[in-house]
Amino acid sequence: MVDDQQPRLRADARRNRDRIVAAAKTWFATHGPDAPTEEIARSAGVATGTLYRHFADREALIRAVAVNNFENAFAEADAAVAEEASAWDALVRILRQSQELRLSFRLLTAYPHVHAVLKKERDVDRSRRHMVGLLDLVVRRAQAEGTLRTDVGTGDVAVMFALLAQPLSIDWTAPAQLASERCMALLLESLRADGPHVTLPGQAIWSEHLTHG
């Protein structure tokens, strides 16, 4: 009887953990990484004690969300590369549709204390490097096919996306969402190869500048 119950208990524990991570993503996206753990647990349909059995503290929960985000973002980007007809279409799909990637950049750039936590996490760093490597591949392919301007690098694209991913200081209403979509459209338009374009200062920022150190 005990042997029959243990697999079910492990499956229940896994489902609880997955629900907690999913709920934390939603709360982090709307309220930041300092969202109340009690509300995260309630949204996940578990007791607060259950949340802390899976994640000893807030840092552990943030690390789990970041790793899961990057893994999902990489899977989304990989699918875009495989399914889209051109590298430009793949890049547009990655930047427009990946909420996972947007939250990952937000956690890393908008909250210094979170960045300090994640910088020490090997799984997060490995996932981040994989994502940067895939983005670098898409950028170089788009430039080779003549759709992406050649005076920008992967780092330029990543920094622009990270700035757009910053949390707005206004409520996330329909007008705010439209404003974000317009900014994304402007970002993509500025990256297209068919000019005219202003001359950019300095040199292109590439992936090695993002992954160094």
C-alpha atoms as a PDB file:
ATOM      1  CA  MET A   1       0.000   0.000   0.000  1.00  0.00           C
ATOM      2  CA  VAL A   2       2.850   2.374   0.864  1.00  0.00           C
ATOM      3  CA  ASP A   3       4.571   1.663  -2.474  1.00  0.00           C
ATOM      4  CA  ASP A   4       1.346   2.500  -4.341  1.00  0.00           C
ATOM      5  CA  GLN A   5       0.965   5.828  -2.528  1.00  0.00           C
ATOM      6  CA  GLN A   6       4.501   7.166  -2.861  1.00  0.00           C
ATOM      7  CA  PRO A   7       4.465   7.805  -6.636  1.00  0.00           C
ATOM      8  CA  ARG A   8       1.120   9.598  -6.280  1.00  0.00           C
ATOM      9  CA  LEU A   9       2.483  11.745  -3.449  1.00  0.00           C
ATOM     10  CA  ARG A  10       5.542  12.637  -5.512  1.00  0.00           C
ATOM     11  CA  ALA A  11       3.295  13.558  -8.442  1.00  0.00           C
ATOM     12  CA  ASP A  12       1.141  15.704  -6.140  1.00  0.00           C
ATOM     13  CA  ALA A  13       4.237  17.452  -4.826  1.00  0.00           C
ATOM     14  CA  ARG A  14       5.442  18.135  -8.371  1.00  0.00           C
ATOM     15  CA  ARG A  15       2.061  19.568  -9.346  1.00  0.00           C
ATOM     16  CA  ASN A  16       2.058  21.794  -6.262  1.00  0.00           C
ATOM     17  CA  ARG A  17       5.533  23.039  -7.100  1.00  0.00           C
ATOM     18  CA  ASP A  18       4.562  23.761 -10.710  1.00  0.00           C
ATOM     19  CA  ARG A  19       1.448  25.638  -9.573  1.00  0.00           C
ATOM     20  CA  ILE A  20       3.494  27.732  -7.146  1.00  0.00           C
ATOM     21  CA  VAL A  21       6.022  28.668  -9.853  1.00  0.00           C
ATOM     22  CA  ALA A  22       3.206  29.552 -12.288  1.00  0.00           C
ATOM     23  CA  ALA A  23       1.481  31.709  -9.679  1.00  0.00           C
ATOM     24  CA  ALA A  24       4.748  33.401  -8.752  1.00  0.00           C
ATOM     25  CA  LYS A  25       5.334  34.288 -12.401  1.00  0.00           C
ATOM     26  CA  THR A  26       1.971  36.015 -12.585  1.00  0.00           C
ATOM     27  CA  TRP A  27       2.527  37.930  -9.363  1.00  0.00           C
ATOM     28  CA  PHE A  28       6.111  38.877 -10.238  1.00  0.00           C
ATOM     29  CA  ALA A  29       4.972  40.155 -13.635  1.00  0.00           C
ATOM     30  CA  THR A  30       2.311  42.414 -12.125  1.00  0.00           C
ATOM     31  CA  HIS A  31       3.665  43.265  -8.666  1.00  0.00           C
ATOM     32  CA  GLY A  32       7.400  42.577  -8.867  1.00  0.00           C
ATOM     33  CA  PRO A  33       9.483  39.939  -7.042  1.00  0.00           C
ATOM     34  CA  ASP A  34       8.488  41.281  -3.624  1.00  0.00           C
ATOM     35  CA  ALA A  35       4.868  40.143  -4.086  1.00  0.00           C
ATOM     36  CA  PRO A  36       3.410  38.617  -0.885  1.00  0.00           C
ATOM     37  CA  THR A  37       4.114  34.899  -0.631  1.00  0.00           C
ATOM     38  CA  GLU A  38       0.716  34.430   1.014  1.00  0.00           C
ATOM     39  CA  GLU A  39      -0.985  35.728  -2.133  1.00  0.00           C
ATOM     40  CA  ILE A  40       1.212  33.564  -4.358  1.00  0.00           C
ATOM     41  CA  ALA A  41       0.297  30.497  -2.324  1.00  0.00           C
ATOM     42  CA  ARG A  42      -3.391  31.406  -2.426  1.00  0.00           C
ATOM     43  CA  SER A  43      -3.277  31.828  -6.201  1.00  0.00           C
ATOM     44  CA  ALA A  44      -1.551  28.445  -6.495  1.00  0.00           C
ATOM     45  CA  GLY A  45      -4.249  26.822  -4.393  1.00  0.00           C
ATOM     46  CA  VAL A  46      -1.840  25.684  -1.668  1.00  0.00           C
ATOM     47  CA  ALA A  47      -1.131  26.605   1.930  1.00  0.00           C
ATOM     48  CA  THR A  48       1.703  29.015   2.688  1.00  0.00           C
ATOM     49  CA  GLY A  49       3.455  26.193   4.534  1.00  0.00           C
ATOM     50  CA  THR A  50       3.381  24.120   1.349  1.00  0.00           C
ATOM     51  CA  LEU A  51       5.060  26.947  -0.544  1.00  0.00           C
ATOM     52  CA  TYR A  52       7.868  27.089   2.019  1.00  0.00           C
ATOM     53  CA  ARG A  53       8.301  23.320   1.956  1.00  0.00           C
ATOM     54  CA  HIS A  54       9.185  23.645  -1.722  1.00  0.00           C
ATOM     55  CA  PHE A  55      11.026  26.971  -1.480  1.00  0.00           C
ATOM     56  CA  ALA A  56      12.845  27.731   1.742  1.00  0.00           C
ATOM     57  CA  ASP A  57      12.815  31.484   1.137  1.00  0.00           C
ATOM     58  CA  ARG A  58      11.963  34.133  -1.436  1.00  0.00           C
ATOM     59  CA  GLU A  59      15.359  33.811  -3.089  1.00  0.00           C
ATOM     60  CA  ALA A  60      14.733  30.126  -3.808  1.00  0.00           C
ATOM     61  CA  LEU A  61      11.383  30.979  -5.386  1.00  0.00           C
ATOM     62  CA  ILE A  62      12.919  33.757  -7.509  1.00  0.00           C
ATOM     63  CA  ARG A  63      15.631  31.371  -8.725  1.00  0.00           C
ATOM     64  CA  ALA A  64      13.045  28.741  -9.660  1.00  0.00           C
ATOM     65  CA  VAL A  65      10.979  31.293 -11.594  1.00  0.00           C
ATOM     66  CA  ALA A  66      14.049  32.623 -13.414  1.00  0.00           C
ATOM     67  CA  VAL A  67      15.274  29.167 -14.447  1.00  0.00           C
ATOM     68  CA  ASN A  68      11.801  28.145 -15.594  1.00  0.00           C
ATOM     69  CA  ASN A  69      11.404  31.401 -17.521  1.00  0.00           C
ATOM     70  CA  PHE A  70      14.664  31.046 -19.395  1.00  0.00           C
ATOM     71  CA  GLU A  71      14.008  27.387 -20.192  1.00  0.00           C
ATOM     72  CA  ASN A  72      10.570  28.216 -21.600  1.00  0.00           C
ATOM     73  CA  ALA A  73      11.889  31.271 -23.448  1.00  0.00           C
ATOM     74  CA  PHE A  74      14.614  29.150 -25.033  1.00  0.00           C
ATOM     75  CA  ALA A  75      12.036  26.549 -26.111  1.00  0.00           C
ATOM     76  CA  GLU A  76       9.855  29.308 -27.617  1.00  0.00           C
ATOM     77  CA  ALA A  77      12.810  30.840 -29.438  1.00  0.00           C
ATOM     78  CA  ASP A  78      13.987  27.465 -30.695  1.00  0.00           C
ATOM     79  CA  ALA A  79      10.504  26.792 -32.099  1.00  0.00           C
ATOM     80  CA  ALA A  80      10.499  30.208 -33.794  1.00  0.00           C
ATOM     81  CA  VAL A  81      13.812  29.467 -35.504  1.00  0.00           C
ATOM     82  CA  ALA A  82      12.561  26.075 -36.685  1.00  0.00           C
ATOM     83  CA  GLU A  83       9.118  27.178 -37.846  1.00  0.00           C
ATOM     84  CA  GLU A  84       9.458  30.667 -39.308  1.00  0.00           C
ATOM     85  CA  ALA A  85      10.303  31.198 -42.989  1.00  0.00           C
ATOM     86  CA  SER A  86      13.041  33.763 -42.333  1.00  0.00           C
ATOM     87  CA  ALA A  87      15.391  34.797 -39.558  1.00  0.00           C
ATOM     88  CA  TRP A  88      13.656  38.192 -39.436  1.00  0.00           C
ATOM     89  CA  ASP A  89      10.277  36.521 -38.855  1.00  0.00           C
ATOM     90  CA  ALA A  90      11.860  34.397 -36.120  1.00  0.00           C
ATOM     91  CA  LEU A  91      13.303  37.493 -34.443  1.00  0.00           C
ATOM     92  CA  VAL A  92       9.967  39.309 -34.581  1.00  0.00           C
ATOM     93  CA  ARG A  93       8.200  36.282 -33.113  1.00  0.00           C
ATOM     94  CA  ILE A  94      10.725  35.977 -30.288  1.00  0.00           C
ATOM     95  CA  LEU A  95      10.550  39.641 -29.329  1.00  0.00           C
ATOM     96  CA  ARG A  96       6.810  40.044 -29.724  1.00  0.00           C
ATOM     97  CA  GLN A  97       5.445  36.844 -28.226  1.00  0.00           C
ATOM     98  CA  SER A  98       7.809  35.735 -25.464  1.00  0.00           C
ATOM     99  CA  GLN A  99       6.295  36.855 -22.175  1.00  0.00           C
ATOM    100  CA  GLU A 100       8.716  34.443 -20.496  1.00  0.00           C
ATOM    101  CA  LEU A 101      11.692  36.290 -21.953  1.00  0.00           C
ATOM    102  CA  ARG A 102      10.196  39.649 -21.043  1.00  0.00           C
ATOM    103  CA  LEU A 103       9.806  38.671 -17.392  1.00  0.00           C
ATOM    104  CA  SER A 104      13.327  37.210 -17.333  1.00  0.00           C
ATOM    105  CA  PHE A 105      14.831  40.481 -18.561  1.00  0.00           C
ATOM    106  CA  ARG A 106      12.671  42.418 -16.126  1.00  0.00           C
ATOM    107  CA  LEU A 107      13.838  40.363 -13.141  1.00  0.00           C
ATOM    108  CA  LEU A 108      17.476  40.703 -14.185  1.00  0.00           C
ATOM    109  CA  THR A 109      17.495  44.411 -14.991  1.00  0.00           C
ATOM    110  CA  ALA A 110      14.761  46.170 -13.027  1.00  0.00           C
ATOM    111  CA  TYR A 111      15.490  44.757  -9.577  1.00  0.00           C
ATOM    112  CA  PRO A 112      19.143  44.998  -8.441  1.00  0.00           C
ATOM    113  CA  HIS A 113      18.630  42.691  -5.448  1.00  0.00           C
ATOM    114  CA  VAL A 114      17.196  40.021  -7.748  1.00  0.00           C
ATOM    115  CA  HIS A 115      20.099  40.406 -10.158  1.00  0.00           C
ATOM    116  CA  ALA A 116      22.506  39.858  -7.248  1.00  0.00           C
ATOM    117  CA  VAL A 117      20.685  36.648  -6.310  1.00  0.00           C
ATOM    118  CA  LEU A 118      20.524  35.284  -9.849  1.00  0.00           C
ATOM    119  CA  LYS A 119      24.128  36.158 -10.664  1.00  0.00           C
ATOM    120  CA  LYS A 120      25.203  33.423  -8.226  1.00  0.00           C
ATOM    121  CA  GLU A 121      22.849  30.806  -9.660  1.00  0.00           C
ATOM    122  CA  ARG A 122      24.599  28.505 -12.143  1.00  0.00           C
ATOM    123  CA  ASP A 123      21.367  27.217 -13.711  1.00  0.00           C
ATOM    124  CA  VAL A 124      20.182  30.768 -14.368  1.00  0.00           C
ATOM    125  CA  ASP A 125      23.524  31.782 -15.850  1.00  0.00           C
ATOM    126  CA  ARG A 126      23.619  28.697 -18.075  1.00  0.00           C
ATOM    127  CA  SER A 127      20.055  29.291 -19.285  1.00  0.00           C
ATOM    128  CA  ARG A 128      20.818  32.957 -19.931  1.00  0.00           C
ATOM    129  CA  ARG A 129      23.884  32.061 -21.987  1.00  0.00           C
ATOM    130  CA  HIS A 130      21.890  29.541 -24.040  1.00  0.00           C
ATOM    131  CA  MET A 131      19.258  32.183 -24.739  1.00  0.00           C
ATOM    132  CA  VAL A 132      21.854  34.776 -25.733  1.00  0.00           C
ATOM    133  CA  GLY A 133      23.530  32.232 -28.018  1.00  0.00           C
ATOM    134  CA  LEU A 134      20.292  31.467 -29.821  1.00  0.00           C
ATOM    135  CA  LEU A 135      19.436  35.159 -30.149  1.00  0.00           C
ATOM    136  CA  ASP A 136      22.925  35.727 -31.547  1.00  0.00           C
ATOM    137  CA  LEU A 137      22.297  33.038 -34.172  1.00  0.00           C
ATOM    138  CA  VAL A 138      19.015  34.657 -35.232  1.00  0.00           C
ATOM    139  CA  VAL A 139      20.568  38.142 -35.419  1.00  0.00           C
ATOM    140  CA  ARG A 140      23.469  36.983 -37.582  1.00  0.00           C
ATOM    141  CA  ARG A 141      21.169  35.018 -39.886  1.00  0.00           C
ATOM    142  CA  ALA A 142      18.854  38.006 -40.282  1.00  0.00           C
ATOM    143  CA  GLN A 143      21.819  40.187 -41.187  1.00  0.00           C
ATOM    144  CA  ALA A 144      23.063  37.580 -43.663  1.00  0.00           C
ATOM    145  CA  GLU A 145      19.665  37.482 -45.382  1.00  0.00           C
ATOM    146  CA  GLY A 146      19.611  41.276 -45.591  1.00  0.00           C
ATOM    147  CA  THR A 147      16.621  41.949 -43.338  1.00  0.00           C
ATOM    148  CA  LEU A 148      18.385  43.295 -40.233  1.00  0.00           C
ATOM    149  CA  ARG A 149      20.655  46.328 -40.320  1.00  0.00           C
ATOM    150  CA  THR A 150      24.328  45.385 -40.051  1.00  0.00           C
ATOM    151  CA  ASP A 151      25.472  48.120 -37.693  1.00  0.00           C
ATOM    152  CA  VAL A 152      23.768  46.541 -34.667  1.00  0.00           C
ATOM    153  CA  GLY A 153      24.695  43.446 -32.690  1.00  0.00           C
ATOM    154  CA  THR A 154      22.940  40.923 -30.498  1.00  0.00           C
ATOM    155  CA  GLY A 155      23.701  43.030 -27.445  1.00  0.00           C
ATOM    156  CA  ASP A 156      21.983  46.044 -28.996  1.00  0.00           C
ATOM    157  CA  VAL A 157      18.844  43.992 -29.603  1.00  0.00           C
ATOM    158  CA  ALA A 158      18.948  42.526 -26.091  1.00  0.00           C
ATOM    159  CA  VAL A 159      19.435  45.909 -24.402  1.00  0.00           C
ATOM    160  CA  MET A 160      16.590  47.475 -26.406  1.00  0.00           C
ATOM    161  CA  PHE A 161      14.325  44.577 -25.462  1.00  0.00           C
ATOM    162  CA  ALA A 162      15.377  44.787 -21.809  1.00  0.00           C
ATOM    163  CA  LEU A 163      14.521  48.495 -21.709  1.00  0.00           C
ATOM    164  CA  LEU A 164      11.115  47.780 -23.203  1.00  0.00           C
ATOM    165  CA  ALA A 165      10.586  45.000 -20.644  1.00  0.00           C
ATOM    166  CA  GLN A 166      10.910  47.403 -17.699  1.00  0.00           C
ATOM    167  CA  PRO A 167       7.759  47.641 -15.574  1.00  0.00           C
ATOM    168  CA  LEU A 168       5.631  50.672 -16.362  1.00  0.00           C
ATOM    169  CA  SER A 169       4.880  53.173 -13.624  1.00  0.00           C
ATOM    170  CA  ILE A 170       1.226  53.160 -14.684  1.00  0.00           C
ATOM    171  CA  ASP A 171      -1.505  50.562 -14.337  1.00  0.00           C
ATOM    172  CA  TRP A 172      -1.431  47.825 -16.982  1.00  0.00           C
ATOM    173  CA  THR A 173      -4.617  48.994 -18.706  1.00  0.00           C
ATOM    174  CA  ALA A 174      -5.561  48.609 -22.366  1.00  0.00           C
ATOM    175  CA  PRO A 175      -3.950  51.994 -23.276  1.00  0.00           C
ATOM    176  CA  ALA A 176      -0.747  50.968 -21.464  1.00  0.00           C
ATOM    177  CA  GLN A 177      -0.667  47.674 -23.328  1.00  0.00           C
ATOM    178  CA  LEU A 178      -1.196  49.487 -26.613  1.00  0.00           C
ATOM    179  CA  ALA A 179       1.659  51.858 -25.750  1.00  0.00           C
ATOM    180  CA  SER A 180       3.924  48.872 -25.139  1.00  0.00           C
ATOM    181  CA  GLU A 181       2.926  47.315 -28.467  1.00  0.00           C
ATOM    182  CA  ARG A 182       3.631  50.602 -30.265  1.00  0.00           C
ATOM    183  CA  CYS A 183       7.082  50.757 -28.658  1.00  0.00           C
ATOM    184  CA  MET A 184       7.776  47.209 -29.824  1.00  0.00           C
ATOM    185  CA  ALA A 185       6.710  48.140 -33.346  1.00  0.00           C
ATOM    186  CA  LEU A 186       9.057  51.149 -33.259  1.00  0.00           C
ATOM    187  CA  LEU A 187      11.885  48.962 -31.959  1.00  0.00           C
ATOM    188  CA  LEU A 188      11.431  46.454 -34.779  1.00  0.00           C
ATOM    189  CA  GLU A 189      11.141  49.202 -37.384  1.00  0.00           C
ATOM    190  CA  SER A 190      14.431  50.678 -36.197  1.00  0.00           C
ATOM    191  CA  LEU A 191      16.135  47.320 -36.702  1.00  0.00           C
ATOM    192  CA  ARG A 192      15.011  46.698 -40.269  1.00  0.00           C
ATOM    193  CA  ALA A 193      17.690  46.802 -42.935  1.00  0.00           C
ATOM    194  CA  ASP A 194      15.754  48.966 -45.396  1.00  0.00           C
ATOM    195  CA  GLY A 195      16.817  52.465 -44.270  1.00  0.00           C
ATOM    196  CA  PRO A 196      17.428  55.267 -44.192  1.00  0.00           C
ATOM    197  CA  HIS A 197      18.951  55.058 -40.713  1.00  0.00           C
ATOM    198  CA  VAL A 198      20.882  57.480 -38.576  1.00  0.00           C
ATOM    199  CA  THR A 199      24.518  56.643 -37.888  1.00  0.00           C
ATOM    200  CA  LEU A 200      24.853  54.974 -34.508  1.00  0.00           C
ATOM    201  CA  PRO A 201      27.574  56.114 -32.102  1.00  0.00           C
ATOM    202  CA  GLY A 202      30.331  53.681 -31.154  1.00  0.00           C
ATOM    203  CA  GLN A 203      30.424  50.049 -32.206  1.00  0.00           C
ATOM    204  CA  ALA A 204      27.873  47.245 -32.265  1.00  0.00           C
ATOM    205  CA  ILE A 205      27.345  45.346 -29.011  1.00  0.00           C
ATOM    206  CA  TRP A 206      27.619  41.589 -29.531  1.00  0.00           C
ATOM    207  CA  SER A 207      26.898  38.502 -27.464  1.00  0.00           C
ATOM    208  CA  GLU A 208      30.388  38.309 -25.957  1.00  0.00           C
ATOM    209  CA  HIS A 209      29.766  41.654 -24.278  1.00  0.00           C
ATOM    210  CA  LEU A 210      26.652  40.206 -22.610  1.00  0.00           C
ATOM    211  CA  THR A 211      28.155  36.922 -21.416  1.00  0.00           C
ATOM    212  CA  HIS A 212      31.572  38.208 -20.369  1.00  0.00           C
ATOM    213  CA  GLY A 213      32.345  37.789 -16.697  1.00  0.00           C
END
